[in-house]
Amino acid sequence: MIRRSPWWAAAALAGLMALSSGPLLAYQSEVESLKSEWESVTTELRGGERRDALSRLADQAEALAGRHANQAEVLVWQGIILASYARERSGLGALGSARSARDALERAVELDPQGGNGSAYVTLGALYDRAPGRPLGFGNSNTAEQMFQRALEIRPDGIDVNFYYAAFLHEEGRLDEAREHAQRAVEGEARPDREASDEALRVEARTLLSRLT
């Protein structure tokens, strides 16, 4: 004889699921909004307009991370936005944003070893590659390569992964490897939710590849 749970047990479970999923859906909606705005800002704006827009996005991402400090997805996007903002700044302000981006991303990968399907590792690799070294900054080419390699393990055909790693290898003078990864970036498939930024990187990868061949 199969014993069925009483109707009120099912109702209680449904209520608990609704309560637990409510905040999740709320923060995911805000992350999607940040992601969409970041795509537009980084691919459509230039100069001071892009810097100012990224400054506003960084504030929004920081506020969201303050409310959801243990959600890896939130921290990944806080880190990506702060890293983009750091590239638009100069001097100590840029370094401060880069450090904050690194901290958010390293916390994100503690919570999610996949790092948002590799995005956290790609961005960490670029940060460790581009930041000045000690004592002023935290730049370290060995750590940068470790981050890129981790990203490649997760998403070996990613346009972003291969482009940023190719740029790193080019700077390191490892031209054959740089050529290989630039080609992989050119041939990679853009992600549906990151199509504009991936296609922009594909263009940069073609430019890099033309200099390497």
N, C-alpha and C. Protein backbone atom coordinates (compact mmCIF):
# COMPACT_ATOMS: atom_id res chain seq x y z
N MET A 1 0.85 -1.21 0.00
CA MET A 1 0.00 0.00 0.00
C MET A 1 0.87 1.25 0.00
N ILE A 2 0.60 2.14 -0.92
CA ILE A 2 1.38 3.38 -1.01
C ILE A 2 0.77 4.43 -0.11
N ARG A 3 1.57 4.96 0.77
CA ARG A 3 1.09 6.02 1.66
C ARG A 3 1.33 7.38 1.00
N ARG A 4 0.31 8.15 0.89
CA ARG A 4 0.44 9.48 0.30
C ARG A 4 0.56 10.52 1.40
N SER A 5 1.39 11.51 1.16
CA SER A 5 1.52 12.61 2.13
C SER A 5 0.21 13.37 2.16
N PRO A 6 -0.20 13.85 3.33
CA PRO A 6 -1.42 14.64 3.41
C PRO A 6 -1.29 15.92 2.59
N TRP A 7 -2.42 16.44 2.15
CA TRP A 7 -2.41 17.60 1.27
C TRP A 7 -1.69 18.78 1.90
N TRP A 8 -1.82 18.92 3.24
CA TRP A 8 -1.23 20.08 3.89
C TRP A 8 0.30 20.00 3.88
N ALA A 9 0.85 18.76 3.83
CA ALA A 9 2.32 18.63 3.76
C ALA A 9 2.83 19.16 2.43
N ALA A 10 2.11 18.81 1.35
CA ALA A 10 2.51 19.31 0.03
C ALA A 10 2.38 20.82 -0.04
N ALA A 11 1.33 21.35 0.55
CA ALA A 11 1.13 22.80 0.54
C ALA A 11 2.23 23.50 1.33
N ALA A 12 2.61 22.91 2.47
CA ALA A 12 3.67 23.52 3.27
C ALA A 12 4.98 23.52 2.52
N LEU A 13 5.27 22.39 1.81
CA LEU A 13 6.51 22.31 1.05
C LEU A 13 6.51 23.35 -0.07
N ALA A 14 5.38 23.49 -0.74
CA ALA A 14 5.29 24.49 -1.80
C ALA A 14 5.52 25.89 -1.25
N GLY A 15 4.98 26.15 -0.06
CA GLY A 15 5.17 27.46 0.56
C GLY A 15 6.63 27.73 0.88
N LEU A 16 7.30 26.68 1.42
CA LEU A 16 8.73 26.84 1.74
C LEU A 16 9.55 27.08 0.49
N MET A 17 9.21 26.36 -0.60
CA MET A 17 9.95 26.55 -1.86
C MET A 17 9.74 27.96 -2.39
N ALA A 18 8.53 28.46 -2.26
CA ALA A 18 8.25 29.82 -2.74
C ALA A 18 9.04 30.84 -1.94
N LEU A 19 9.11 30.62 -0.62
CA LEU A 19 9.86 31.55 0.21
C LEU A 19 11.34 31.53 -0.11
N SER A 20 11.89 30.32 -0.35
CA SER A 20 13.33 30.22 -0.61
C SER A 20 13.69 30.70 -1.99
N SER A 21 12.75 30.55 -2.97
CA SER A 21 13.09 30.95 -4.33
C SER A 21 12.85 32.42 -4.59
N GLY A 22 12.06 33.09 -3.74
CA GLY A 22 11.77 34.50 -3.97
C GLY A 22 13.00 35.37 -4.03
N PRO A 23 13.85 35.39 -2.98
CA PRO A 23 15.06 36.22 -3.03
C PRO A 23 16.00 35.81 -4.15
N LEU A 24 16.07 34.50 -4.46
CA LEU A 24 16.94 34.02 -5.53
C LEU A 24 16.53 34.65 -6.85
N LEU A 25 15.23 34.60 -7.15
CA LEU A 25 14.75 35.19 -8.38
C LEU A 25 14.98 36.69 -8.39
N ALA A 26 14.83 37.31 -7.24
CA ALA A 26 15.02 38.76 -7.17
C ALA A 26 16.45 39.15 -7.51
N TYR A 27 17.44 38.47 -6.92
CA TYR A 27 18.81 38.88 -7.20
C TYR A 27 19.22 38.48 -8.62
N GLN A 28 18.69 37.36 -9.13
CA GLN A 28 19.03 36.98 -10.49
C GLN A 28 18.51 38.00 -11.49
N SER A 29 17.34 38.54 -11.23
CA SER A 29 16.80 39.58 -12.10
C SER A 29 17.70 40.81 -12.10
N GLU A 30 18.21 41.17 -10.93
CA GLU A 30 19.10 42.33 -10.85
C GLU A 30 20.44 42.05 -11.54
N VAL A 31 20.93 40.82 -11.41
CA VAL A 31 22.17 40.45 -12.11
C VAL A 31 21.97 40.54 -13.61
N GLU A 32 20.84 40.03 -14.12
CA GLU A 32 20.57 40.11 -15.55
C GLU A 32 20.51 41.55 -16.03
N SER A 33 19.95 42.43 -15.20
CA SER A 33 19.90 43.84 -15.55
C SER A 33 21.30 44.44 -15.63
N LEU A 34 22.14 44.12 -14.64
CA LEU A 34 23.52 44.59 -14.66
C LEU A 34 24.26 44.08 -15.89
N LYS A 35 24.09 42.80 -16.18
CA LYS A 35 24.76 42.17 -17.32
C LYS A 35 24.36 42.85 -18.63
N SER A 36 23.07 43.06 -18.80
CA SER A 36 22.57 43.70 -20.02
C SER A 36 23.11 45.12 -20.17
N GLU A 37 23.11 45.86 -19.07
CA GLU A 37 23.63 47.23 -19.12
C GLU A 37 25.12 47.23 -19.40
N TRP A 38 25.85 46.31 -18.78
CA TRP A 38 27.30 46.22 -19.03
C TRP A 38 27.59 45.93 -20.50
N GLU A 39 26.82 45.02 -21.10
CA GLU A 39 26.99 44.71 -22.52
C GLU A 39 26.84 45.98 -23.37
N SER A 40 25.80 46.74 -23.08
CA SER A 40 25.55 47.96 -23.86
C SER A 40 26.65 48.99 -23.65
N VAL A 41 27.02 49.20 -22.39
CA VAL A 41 28.02 50.22 -22.07
C VAL A 41 29.36 49.90 -22.70
N THR A 42 29.81 48.65 -22.58
CA THR A 42 31.15 48.31 -23.04
C THR A 42 31.27 48.16 -24.54
N THR A 43 30.15 47.96 -25.23
CA THR A 43 30.22 47.79 -26.68
C THR A 43 29.72 49.00 -27.47
N GLU A 44 28.99 49.91 -26.81
CA GLU A 44 28.39 51.01 -27.54
C GLU A 44 28.93 52.39 -27.15
N LEU A 45 29.46 52.53 -25.94
CA LEU A 45 29.92 53.84 -25.48
C LEU A 45 31.44 53.92 -25.54
N ARG A 46 31.95 55.13 -25.54
CA ARG A 46 33.38 55.37 -25.59
C ARG A 46 33.76 56.51 -24.63
N GLY A 47 35.03 56.55 -24.28
CA GLY A 47 35.58 57.68 -23.53
C GLY A 47 34.89 57.94 -22.21
N GLY A 48 34.64 59.23 -21.97
CA GLY A 48 34.06 59.65 -20.70
C GLY A 48 32.68 59.09 -20.46
N GLU A 49 31.90 58.93 -21.53
CA GLU A 49 30.55 58.37 -21.37
C GLU A 49 30.62 56.95 -20.82
N ARG A 50 31.54 56.16 -21.35
CA ARG A 50 31.66 54.78 -20.87
C ARG A 50 32.17 54.76 -19.43
N ARG A 51 33.14 55.60 -19.12
CA ARG A 51 33.68 55.64 -17.75
C ARG A 51 32.59 56.01 -16.75
N ASP A 52 31.80 57.04 -17.07
CA ASP A 52 30.75 57.47 -16.15
C ASP A 52 29.67 56.40 -15.98
N ALA A 53 29.32 55.73 -17.09
CA ALA A 53 28.31 54.68 -17.01
C ALA A 53 28.82 53.50 -16.19
N LEU A 54 30.09 53.15 -16.35
CA LEU A 54 30.65 52.06 -15.57
C LEU A 54 30.76 52.42 -14.09
N SER A 55 31.00 53.68 -13.80
CA SER A 55 31.03 54.13 -12.41
C SER A 55 29.67 53.90 -11.75
N ARG A 56 28.61 54.25 -12.47
CA ARG A 56 27.26 54.04 -11.93
C ARG A 56 26.96 52.54 -11.78
N LEU A 57 27.37 51.76 -12.78
CA LEU A 57 27.14 50.32 -12.69
C LEU A 57 27.92 49.70 -11.53
N ALA A 58 29.14 50.19 -11.31
CA ALA A 58 29.95 49.69 -10.19
C ALA A 58 29.25 49.95 -8.86
N ASP A 59 28.65 51.13 -8.72
CA ASP A 59 27.92 51.44 -7.49
C ASP A 59 26.73 50.49 -7.32
N GLN A 60 26.01 50.22 -8.41
CA GLN A 60 24.87 49.32 -8.34
C GLN A 60 25.31 47.90 -7.98
N ALA A 61 26.41 47.46 -8.59
CA ALA A 61 26.92 46.12 -8.32
C ALA A 61 27.38 46.00 -6.87
N GLU A 62 28.01 47.05 -6.36
CA GLU A 62 28.45 47.03 -4.96
C GLU A 62 27.26 46.95 -4.02
N ALA A 63 26.21 47.69 -4.32
CA ALA A 63 25.01 47.64 -3.48
C ALA A 63 24.37 46.26 -3.52
N LEU A 64 24.31 45.65 -4.70
CA LEU A 64 23.73 44.32 -4.83
C LEU A 64 24.57 43.29 -4.07
N ALA A 65 25.90 43.40 -4.18
CA ALA A 65 26.79 42.48 -3.45
C ALA A 65 26.65 42.67 -1.94
N GLY A 66 26.36 43.89 -1.51
CA GLY A 66 26.15 44.12 -0.09
C GLY A 66 24.92 43.39 0.43
N ARG A 67 23.92 43.22 -0.42
CA ARG A 67 22.69 42.52 -0.01
C ARG A 67 22.79 41.01 -0.20
N HIS A 68 23.70 40.58 -1.08
CA HIS A 68 23.82 39.15 -1.41
C HIS A 68 25.30 38.76 -1.42
N ALA A 69 25.94 38.92 -0.28
CA ALA A 69 27.39 38.77 -0.19
C ALA A 69 27.87 37.34 -0.41
N ASN A 70 26.99 36.37 -0.33
CA ASN A 70 27.39 34.97 -0.47
C ASN A 70 26.83 34.33 -1.74
N GLN A 71 26.47 35.15 -2.71
CA GLN A 71 26.00 34.63 -3.99
C GLN A 71 27.09 34.82 -5.03
N ALA A 72 27.64 33.70 -5.50
CA ALA A 72 28.78 33.76 -6.42
C ALA A 72 28.46 34.55 -7.69
N GLU A 73 27.26 34.36 -8.23
CA GLU A 73 26.89 35.04 -9.47
C GLU A 73 26.94 36.55 -9.31
N VAL A 74 26.47 37.03 -8.18
CA VAL A 74 26.51 38.47 -7.91
C VAL A 74 27.96 38.95 -7.85
N LEU A 75 28.81 38.20 -7.16
CA LEU A 75 30.20 38.61 -7.00
C LEU A 75 30.97 38.54 -8.31
N VAL A 76 30.65 37.56 -9.15
CA VAL A 76 31.30 37.49 -10.47
C VAL A 76 31.01 38.76 -11.25
N TRP A 77 29.75 39.18 -11.24
CA TRP A 77 29.42 40.37 -12.02
C TRP A 77 29.90 41.66 -11.37
N GLN A 78 29.96 41.69 -10.06
CA GLN A 78 30.60 42.83 -9.41
C GLN A 78 32.06 42.93 -9.87
N GLY A 79 32.76 41.79 -9.89
CA GLY A 79 34.16 41.78 -10.31
C GLY A 79 34.35 42.17 -11.75
N ILE A 80 33.50 41.66 -12.64
CA ILE A 80 33.62 41.99 -14.06
C ILE A 80 33.41 43.49 -14.28
N ILE A 81 32.39 44.04 -13.64
CA ILE A 81 32.09 45.47 -13.81
C ILE A 81 33.21 46.33 -13.23
N LEU A 82 33.71 45.98 -12.06
CA LEU A 82 34.80 46.74 -11.46
C LEU A 82 36.07 46.65 -12.30
N ALA A 83 36.34 45.49 -12.87
CA ALA A 83 37.52 45.34 -13.73
C ALA A 83 37.39 46.22 -14.98
N SER A 84 36.18 46.26 -15.54
CA SER A 84 35.95 47.13 -16.71
C SER A 84 36.12 48.60 -16.33
N TYR A 85 35.62 48.96 -15.16
CA TYR A 85 35.77 50.34 -14.69
C TYR A 85 37.23 50.67 -14.45
N ALA A 86 38.00 49.73 -13.91
CA ALA A 86 39.42 49.97 -13.67
C ALA A 86 40.15 50.29 -14.97
N ARG A 87 39.78 49.62 -16.07
CA ARG A 87 40.43 49.86 -17.36
C ARG A 87 40.17 51.27 -17.86
N GLU A 88 39.06 51.87 -17.43
CA GLU A 88 38.71 53.22 -17.89
C GLU A 88 39.31 54.31 -17.02
N ARG A 89 39.87 53.95 -15.87
CA ARG A 89 40.41 54.92 -14.93
C ARG A 89 41.93 55.00 -15.08
N SER A 90 42.53 55.85 -14.26
CA SER A 90 43.99 55.97 -14.29
C SER A 90 44.48 56.14 -12.85
N GLY A 91 45.77 55.89 -12.66
CA GLY A 91 46.40 56.12 -11.37
C GLY A 91 45.89 55.21 -10.27
N LEU A 92 45.89 55.76 -9.05
CA LEU A 92 45.52 54.97 -7.89
C LEU A 92 44.04 54.57 -7.91
N GLY A 93 43.21 55.39 -8.56
CA GLY A 93 41.79 55.04 -8.66
C GLY A 93 41.61 53.75 -9.44
N ALA A 94 42.35 53.59 -10.53
CA ALA A 94 42.28 52.36 -11.33
C ALA A 94 42.73 51.17 -10.52
N LEU A 95 43.83 51.35 -9.77
CA LEU A 95 44.36 50.25 -8.98
C LEU A 95 43.38 49.85 -7.86
N GLY A 96 42.72 50.85 -7.27
CA GLY A 96 41.74 50.55 -6.23
C GLY A 96 40.58 49.74 -6.78
N SER A 97 40.09 50.11 -7.96
CA SER A 97 38.99 49.35 -8.58
C SER A 97 39.45 47.95 -8.95
N ALA A 98 40.69 47.83 -9.43
CA ALA A 98 41.23 46.52 -9.80
C ALA A 98 41.33 45.61 -8.58
N ARG A 99 41.78 46.17 -7.46
CA ARG A 99 41.87 45.37 -6.22
C ARG A 99 40.49 44.90 -5.77
N SER A 100 39.53 45.81 -5.83
CA SER A 100 38.16 45.44 -5.42
C SER A 100 37.60 44.36 -6.33
N ALA A 101 37.89 44.47 -7.63
CA ALA A 101 37.46 43.45 -8.59
C ALA A 101 38.09 42.11 -8.25
N ARG A 102 39.40 42.11 -7.99
CA ARG A 102 40.09 40.87 -7.64
C ARG A 102 39.48 40.23 -6.39
N ASP A 103 39.22 41.04 -5.38
CA ASP A 103 38.67 40.51 -4.13
C ASP A 103 37.30 39.88 -4.35
N ALA A 104 36.45 40.55 -5.13
CA ALA A 104 35.11 40.02 -5.40
C ALA A 104 35.19 38.71 -6.17
N LEU A 105 36.08 38.65 -7.16
CA LEU A 105 36.19 37.46 -7.99
C LEU A 105 36.80 36.28 -7.23
N GLU A 106 37.77 36.56 -6.38
CA GLU A 106 38.37 35.48 -5.61
C GLU A 106 37.38 34.93 -4.58
N ARG A 107 36.55 35.78 -4.04
CA ARG A 107 35.48 35.30 -3.16
C ARG A 107 34.48 34.48 -3.96
N ALA A 108 34.18 34.91 -5.18
CA ALA A 108 33.23 34.18 -6.02
C ALA A 108 33.70 32.77 -6.31
N VAL A 109 34.99 32.59 -6.60
CA VAL A 109 35.46 31.24 -6.93
C VAL A 109 35.59 30.37 -5.69
N GLU A 110 35.68 30.99 -4.52
CA GLU A 110 35.59 30.21 -3.28
C GLU A 110 34.20 29.60 -3.14
N LEU A 111 33.19 30.36 -3.54
CA LEU A 111 31.80 29.90 -3.43
C LEU A 111 31.42 28.99 -4.59
N ASP A 112 31.97 29.24 -5.76
CA ASP A 112 31.64 28.48 -6.97
C ASP A 112 32.94 28.16 -7.70
N PRO A 113 33.47 26.93 -7.56
CA PRO A 113 34.73 26.57 -8.20
C PRO A 113 34.72 26.72 -9.72
N GLN A 114 33.52 26.75 -10.33
CA GLN A 114 33.45 26.96 -11.78
C GLN A 114 33.55 28.44 -12.16
N GLY A 115 33.49 29.30 -11.16
CA GLY A 115 33.69 30.73 -11.42
C GLY A 115 32.76 31.31 -12.46
N GLY A 116 31.46 31.00 -12.35
CA GLY A 116 30.52 31.54 -13.34
C GLY A 116 30.86 31.09 -14.74
N ASN A 117 31.03 29.75 -14.92
CA ASN A 117 31.39 29.16 -16.21
C ASN A 117 32.70 29.72 -16.75
N GLY A 118 33.62 29.96 -15.83
CA GLY A 118 34.97 30.41 -16.22
C GLY A 118 35.16 31.91 -16.30
N SER A 119 34.08 32.68 -16.26
CA SER A 119 34.20 34.14 -16.43
C SER A 119 35.04 34.78 -15.34
N ALA A 120 34.91 34.29 -14.10
CA ALA A 120 35.71 34.86 -13.01
C ALA A 120 37.19 34.64 -13.25
N TYR A 121 37.56 33.46 -13.74
CA TYR A 121 38.98 33.17 -13.96
C TYR A 121 39.56 33.98 -15.12
N VAL A 122 38.77 34.17 -16.18
CA VAL A 122 39.24 35.01 -17.30
C VAL A 122 39.55 36.41 -16.80
N THR A 123 38.62 36.98 -16.03
CA THR A 123 38.80 38.35 -15.55
C THR A 123 39.94 38.44 -14.56
N LEU A 124 40.08 37.44 -13.68
CA LEU A 124 41.23 37.43 -12.77
C LEU A 124 42.53 37.35 -13.55
N GLY A 125 42.58 36.53 -14.59
CA GLY A 125 43.79 36.45 -15.40
C GLY A 125 44.16 37.79 -15.98
N ALA A 126 43.17 38.50 -16.53
CA ALA A 126 43.44 39.82 -17.11
C ALA A 126 43.89 40.81 -16.04
N LEU A 127 43.29 40.73 -14.86
CA LEU A 127 43.68 41.65 -13.78
C LEU A 127 45.12 41.39 -13.33
N TYR A 128 45.47 40.13 -13.09
CA TYR A 128 46.83 39.81 -12.67
C TYR A 128 47.85 40.12 -13.77
N ASP A 129 47.41 40.05 -15.02
CA ASP A 129 48.29 40.38 -16.14
C ASP A 129 48.55 41.87 -16.22
N ARG A 130 47.52 42.69 -16.05
CA ARG A 130 47.61 44.12 -16.34
C ARG A 130 47.96 44.98 -15.14
N ALA A 131 47.70 44.50 -13.94
CA ALA A 131 48.01 45.32 -12.76
C ALA A 131 49.52 45.44 -12.58
N PRO A 132 49.99 46.56 -12.05
CA PRO A 132 51.42 46.67 -11.75
C PRO A 132 51.82 45.67 -10.67
N GLY A 133 53.07 45.28 -10.68
CA GLY A 133 53.55 44.33 -9.69
C GLY A 133 53.80 44.97 -8.34
N ARG A 134 54.27 44.16 -7.41
CA ARG A 134 54.58 44.66 -6.07
C ARG A 134 55.79 45.59 -6.15
N PRO A 135 55.89 46.56 -5.23
CA PRO A 135 55.05 46.77 -4.04
C PRO A 135 53.79 47.60 -4.30
N LEU A 136 53.68 48.21 -5.49
CA LEU A 136 52.55 49.10 -5.73
C LEU A 136 51.25 48.31 -5.94
N GLY A 137 51.34 47.25 -6.74
CA GLY A 137 50.13 46.52 -7.09
C GLY A 137 50.24 45.04 -6.78
N PHE A 138 49.43 44.25 -7.50
CA PHE A 138 49.39 42.81 -7.25
C PHE A 138 49.65 42.01 -8.51
N GLY A 139 50.06 42.66 -9.59
CA GLY A 139 50.28 41.97 -10.85
C GLY A 139 51.28 40.83 -10.72
N ASN A 140 50.99 39.73 -11.41
CA ASN A 140 51.86 38.56 -11.34
C ASN A 140 51.58 37.68 -12.55
N SER A 141 52.55 37.52 -13.43
CA SER A 141 52.32 36.79 -14.67
C SER A 141 52.07 35.31 -14.41
N ASN A 142 52.71 34.73 -13.40
CA ASN A 142 52.48 33.32 -13.10
C ASN A 142 51.04 33.08 -12.65
N THR A 143 50.54 33.96 -11.78
CA THR A 143 49.16 33.83 -11.33
C THR A 143 48.19 34.07 -12.48
N ALA A 144 48.51 35.05 -13.33
CA ALA A 144 47.67 35.32 -14.50
C ALA A 144 47.53 34.07 -15.36
N GLU A 145 48.65 33.40 -15.62
CA GLU A 145 48.58 32.20 -16.46
C GLU A 145 47.78 31.10 -15.78
N GLN A 146 47.93 30.94 -14.48
CA GLN A 146 47.13 29.94 -13.76
C GLN A 146 45.64 30.20 -13.92
N MET A 147 45.25 31.46 -13.85
CA MET A 147 43.84 31.81 -13.98
C MET A 147 43.35 31.53 -15.40
N PHE A 148 44.15 31.89 -16.41
CA PHE A 148 43.74 31.61 -17.79
C PHE A 148 43.63 30.11 -18.04
N GLN A 149 44.57 29.34 -17.51
CA GLN A 149 44.53 27.90 -17.70
C GLN A 149 43.28 27.29 -17.05
N ARG A 150 42.92 27.80 -15.89
CA ARG A 150 41.71 27.31 -15.22
C ARG A 150 40.48 27.64 -16.06
N ALA A 151 40.44 28.83 -16.63
CA ALA A 151 39.32 29.21 -17.48
C ALA A 151 39.24 28.31 -18.71
N LEU A 152 40.39 27.96 -19.29
CA LEU A 152 40.41 27.09 -20.46
C LEU A 152 39.93 25.68 -20.14
N GLU A 153 40.21 25.21 -18.93
CA GLU A 153 39.71 23.89 -18.52
C GLU A 153 38.18 23.88 -18.49
N ILE A 154 37.61 24.99 -18.11
CA ILE A 154 36.15 25.07 -17.97
C ILE A 154 35.48 25.34 -19.31
N ARG A 155 36.06 26.24 -20.11
CA ARG A 155 35.43 26.65 -21.38
C ARG A 155 36.51 26.81 -22.45
N PRO A 156 37.01 25.69 -22.99
CA PRO A 156 38.18 25.74 -23.87
C PRO A 156 37.96 26.48 -25.19
N ASP A 157 36.72 26.60 -25.63
CA ASP A 157 36.46 27.26 -26.92
C ASP A 157 35.92 28.67 -26.77
N GLY A 158 35.95 29.21 -25.55
CA GLY A 158 35.40 30.55 -25.33
C GLY A 158 36.18 31.62 -26.07
N ILE A 159 35.46 32.55 -26.68
CA ILE A 159 36.11 33.66 -27.38
C ILE A 159 36.89 34.50 -26.39
N ASP A 160 36.26 34.85 -25.26
CA ASP A 160 36.93 35.70 -24.28
C ASP A 160 38.15 35.03 -23.67
N VAL A 161 38.00 33.74 -23.31
CA VAL A 161 39.11 32.99 -22.71
C VAL A 161 40.32 33.02 -23.64
N ASN A 162 40.10 32.65 -24.88
CA ASN A 162 41.20 32.52 -25.82
C ASN A 162 41.78 33.86 -26.24
N PHE A 163 40.93 34.89 -26.36
CA PHE A 163 41.48 36.20 -26.74
C PHE A 163 42.38 36.75 -25.65
N TYR A 164 41.91 36.77 -24.41
CA TYR A 164 42.72 37.36 -23.34
C TYR A 164 43.98 36.55 -23.07
N TYR A 165 43.88 35.24 -23.22
CA TYR A 165 45.08 34.41 -23.05
C TYR A 165 46.06 34.66 -24.20
N ALA A 166 45.54 34.81 -25.42
CA ALA A 166 46.39 35.13 -26.57
C ALA A 166 47.11 36.46 -26.36
N ALA A 167 46.39 37.46 -25.86
CA ALA A 167 47.00 38.77 -25.60
C ALA A 167 48.11 38.65 -24.56
N PHE A 168 47.86 37.86 -23.52
CA PHE A 168 48.87 37.61 -22.49
C PHE A 168 50.10 36.93 -23.08
N LEU A 169 49.88 35.89 -23.88
CA LEU A 169 50.99 35.15 -24.48
C LEU A 169 51.79 36.04 -25.43
N HIS A 170 51.11 36.93 -26.14
CA HIS A 170 51.78 37.88 -27.03
C HIS A 170 52.72 38.77 -26.23
N GLU A 171 52.23 39.29 -25.12
CA GLU A 171 53.06 40.15 -24.26
C GLU A 171 54.25 39.39 -23.70
N GLU A 172 54.08 38.08 -23.46
CA GLU A 172 55.14 37.25 -22.92
C GLU A 172 56.14 36.80 -23.98
N GLY A 173 55.87 37.14 -25.23
CA GLY A 173 56.77 36.74 -26.31
C GLY A 173 56.59 35.30 -26.78
N ARG A 174 55.51 34.65 -26.40
CA ARG A 174 55.24 33.26 -26.78
C ARG A 174 54.30 33.28 -27.99
N LEU A 175 54.89 33.60 -29.14
CA LEU A 175 54.10 33.97 -30.30
C LEU A 175 53.35 32.81 -30.93
N ASP A 176 53.95 31.63 -30.97
CA ASP A 176 53.25 30.48 -31.56
C ASP A 176 52.00 30.14 -30.75
N GLU A 177 52.12 30.15 -29.42
CA GLU A 177 50.97 29.88 -28.57
C GLU A 177 49.93 30.99 -28.69
N ALA A 178 50.40 32.23 -28.78
CA ALA A 178 49.48 33.36 -28.93
C ALA A 178 48.69 33.22 -30.23
N ARG A 179 49.35 32.82 -31.29
CA ARG A 179 48.68 32.64 -32.59
C ARG A 179 47.60 31.56 -32.49
N GLU A 180 47.92 30.47 -31.82
CA GLU A 180 46.96 29.37 -31.68
C GLU A 180 45.69 29.84 -30.96
N HIS A 181 45.87 30.57 -29.86
CA HIS A 181 44.70 30.97 -29.08
C HIS A 181 43.95 32.13 -29.73
N ALA A 182 44.65 32.99 -30.45
CA ALA A 182 43.95 34.03 -31.21
C ALA A 182 43.07 33.40 -32.28
N GLN A 183 43.57 32.35 -32.93
CA GLN A 183 42.78 31.65 -33.94
C GLN A 183 41.56 30.98 -33.31
N ARG A 184 41.75 30.40 -32.14
CA ARG A 184 40.62 29.77 -31.45
C ARG A 184 39.58 30.81 -31.05
N ALA A 185 40.03 32.00 -30.70
CA ALA A 185 39.09 33.08 -30.37
C ALA A 185 38.29 33.50 -31.60
N VAL A 186 38.97 33.59 -32.74
CA VAL A 186 38.30 33.97 -33.98
C VAL A 186 37.24 32.93 -34.36
N GLU A 187 37.54 31.66 -34.10
CA GLU A 187 36.64 30.58 -34.50
C GLU A 187 35.61 30.22 -33.43
N GLY A 188 35.71 30.80 -32.25
CA GLY A 188 34.83 30.45 -31.15
C GLY A 188 33.39 30.86 -31.38
N GLU A 189 32.51 30.29 -30.58
CA GLU A 189 31.08 30.59 -30.69
C GLU A 189 30.67 31.59 -29.61
N ALA A 190 30.03 32.66 -30.02
CA ALA A 190 29.58 33.68 -29.07
C ALA A 190 28.48 33.12 -28.18
N ARG A 191 28.50 33.49 -26.90
CA ARG A 191 27.47 33.06 -25.97
C ARG A 191 26.20 33.86 -26.20
N PRO A 192 25.03 33.22 -26.16
CA PRO A 192 23.78 33.94 -26.41
C PRO A 192 23.57 35.13 -25.49
N ASP A 193 24.00 35.02 -24.21
CA ASP A 193 23.78 36.11 -23.27
C ASP A 193 24.94 37.10 -23.24
N ARG A 194 25.97 36.86 -24.05
CA ARG A 194 27.12 37.77 -24.10
C ARG A 194 27.53 38.02 -25.55
N GLU A 195 26.56 37.98 -26.45
CA GLU A 195 26.88 38.00 -27.88
C GLU A 195 27.59 39.28 -28.30
N ALA A 196 27.13 40.43 -27.84
CA ALA A 196 27.73 41.69 -28.27
C ALA A 196 29.19 41.79 -27.83
N SER A 197 29.46 41.49 -26.57
CA SER A 197 30.84 41.60 -26.08
C SER A 197 31.73 40.52 -26.68
N ASP A 198 31.20 39.31 -26.87
CA ASP A 198 32.00 38.25 -27.50
C ASP A 198 32.35 38.61 -28.94
N GLU A 199 31.39 39.15 -29.68
CA GLU A 199 31.67 39.53 -31.06
C GLU A 199 32.69 40.67 -31.13
N ALA A 200 32.62 41.59 -30.17
CA ALA A 200 33.62 42.67 -30.13
C ALA A 200 35.02 42.09 -29.88
N LEU A 201 35.11 41.08 -29.01
CA LEU A 201 36.40 40.43 -28.76
C LEU A 201 36.86 39.64 -29.98
N ARG A 202 35.94 39.07 -30.73
CA ARG A 202 36.32 38.35 -31.95
C ARG A 202 37.03 39.30 -32.94
N VAL A 203 36.50 40.53 -33.03
CA VAL A 203 37.14 41.53 -33.90
C VAL A 203 38.55 41.83 -33.42
N GLU A 204 38.72 41.99 -32.10
CA GLU A 204 40.05 42.24 -31.54
C GLU A 204 40.97 41.04 -31.77
N ALA A 205 40.41 39.84 -31.68
CA ALA A 205 41.21 38.63 -31.92
C ALA A 205 41.70 38.58 -33.36
N ARG A 206 40.85 38.97 -34.31
CA ARG A 206 41.27 39.01 -35.72
C ARG A 206 42.43 39.99 -35.91
N THR A 207 42.32 41.15 -35.26
CA THR A 207 43.38 42.15 -35.35
C THR A 207 44.69 41.61 -34.78
N LEU A 208 44.59 40.97 -33.62
CA LEU A 208 45.79 40.38 -33.02
C LEU A 208 46.37 39.29 -33.91
N LEU A 209 45.52 38.45 -34.46
CA LEU A 209 45.99 37.36 -35.31
C LEU A 209 46.69 37.90 -36.55
N SER A 210 46.19 39.00 -37.09
CA SER A 210 46.84 39.58 -38.28
C SER A 210 48.25 40.08 -37.97
N ARG A 211 48.48 40.49 -36.72
CA ARG A 211 49.82 40.93 -36.34
C ARG A 211 50.75 39.76 -36.07
N LEU A 212 50.18 38.59 -35.82
CA LEU A 212 50.98 37.42 -35.47
C LEU A 212 51.28 36.51 -36.65
N THR A 213 50.62 36.78 -37.79
CA THR A 213 50.81 35.91 -38.95
C THR A 213 51.55 36.64 -40.06
